C-alpha cells in the first residue's frame, strides 16, 4: 500500500505496527518497520498507537526506529510519558 500511495504522489507515509497483531519481541517491530521503509523513497512518520495495535513500543525500540534514515517524525498515542 505504501508503494501505491507513493506512486499517487503522497509526500509522507504514516506507518504503525499492524493492528491486532502482537509482536513477541521488540526487535520484530524494528525489522517490520525497516522492511516497510526499504521499498519506499518517501519520508515516513512512525505512529505509536499501542491501544489499537496491541504492541507496546519501548524507548529502546523507539530510538532504533527514529534513527532509521527515512523516519522524519513520530506521532505517539501511547500516553506513556515515562517511556
Protein backbone atom coordinates (compact mmCIF):
# COMPACT_ATOMS: atom_id res chain seq x y z
CA UNK A 1 0.00 0.00 0.00
CA UNK A 2 2.88 2.37 0.74
CA UNK A 3 4.18 2.00 -2.81
CA UNK A 4 0.71 2.74 -4.16
CA UNK A 5 0.49 5.90 -2.04
CA UNK A 6 3.96 6.95 -3.16
CA UNK A 7 3.03 6.44 -6.81
CA UNK A 8 -0.13 8.50 -6.24
CA UNK A 9 2.01 11.43 -5.10
CA UNK A 10 1.88 11.23 -1.31
CA UNK A 11 4.56 13.34 0.34
CA UNK A 12 4.79 11.31 3.57
CA UNK A 13 3.60 7.94 4.80
CA UNK A 14 2.34 7.35 8.34
CA UNK A 15 3.30 3.84 9.48
CA UNK A 16 2.34 1.90 12.58
CA UNK A 17 2.76 -1.65 13.72
CA UNK A 18 -0.01 -3.88 12.35
CA UNK A 19 -3.28 -3.55 14.22
CA UNK A 20 -4.31 -6.65 16.16
CA UNK A 21 -1.03 -8.48 15.50
CA UNK A 22 1.17 -8.66 18.56
CA UNK A 23 4.89 -8.94 18.10
CA UNK A 24 6.57 -11.06 20.75
CA UNK A 25 9.95 -9.25 20.55
CA UNK A 26 10.72 -5.56 20.22
CA UNK A 27 13.31 -6.36 17.57
CA UNK A 28 10.49 -7.73 15.40
CA UNK A 29 8.89 -4.28 15.39
CA UNK A 30 12.15 -2.73 14.20
CA UNK A 31 12.54 -5.39 11.48
CA UNK A 32 8.93 -4.85 10.35
CA UNK A 33 9.40 -1.08 10.07
CA UNK A 34 12.74 -1.50 8.30
CA UNK A 35 11.24 -3.82 5.68
CA UNK A 36 8.38 -1.41 5.03
CA UNK A 37 10.74 1.53 4.70
CA UNK A 38 13.13 -0.35 2.44
CA UNK A 39 10.81 -0.34 -0.58
CA UNK A 40 9.84 3.33 -0.33
CA UNK A 41 11.55 6.57 -1.25
CA UNK A 42 9.31 8.99 0.69
CA UNK A 43 9.78 10.20 4.29
CA UNK A 44 7.97 8.23 6.99
CA UNK A 45 6.14 9.15 10.18
CA UNK A 46 6.04 6.43 12.83
CA UNK A 47 2.68 6.25 14.60
CA UNK A 48 2.77 4.56 18.01
CA UNK A 49 -0.78 3.50 18.79
CA UNK A 50 -0.50 0.64 21.32
CA UNK A 51 -4.16 0.58 22.35
CA UNK A 52 -5.10 -0.26 18.74
CA UNK A 53 -2.15 -2.35 17.62
CA UNK A 54 -1.54 -4.23 20.86
CA UNK A 55 2.19 -3.52 20.54
CA UNK A 56 3.96 -1.54 23.25
CA UNK A 57 6.95 0.28 21.84
CA UNK A 58 9.76 0.61 24.37
CA UNK A 59 12.11 3.57 24.48
CA UNK A 60 14.90 1.37 23.11
CA UNK A 61 12.72 0.31 20.16
CA UNK A 62 11.61 3.89 19.53
CA UNK A 63 15.24 5.04 19.45
CA UNK A 64 16.02 2.44 16.77
CA UNK A 65 13.01 3.48 14.72
CA UNK A 66 13.70 7.21 14.86
CA UNK A 67 17.29 6.58 13.80
CA UNK A 68 16.12 4.97 10.56
CA UNK A 69 17.13 7.30 7.71
CA UNK A 70 13.61 7.71 6.30
CA UNK A 71 11.79 8.33 9.60
CA UNK A 72 11.29 12.09 9.99
CA UNK A 73 8.68 12.28 12.78
CA UNK A 74 6.80 10.33 15.44
CA UNK A 75 3.16 10.54 16.48
CA UNK A 76 2.56 8.98 19.87
CA UNK A 77 -0.86 7.96 21.15
CA UNK A 78 0.53 5.75 23.88
CA UNK A 79 0.06 8.33 26.63
CA UNK A 80 3.08 6.90 28.41
CA UNK A 81 5.09 9.97 29.29
CA UNK A 82 7.55 7.86 31.26
CA UNK A 83 8.85 5.92 28.25
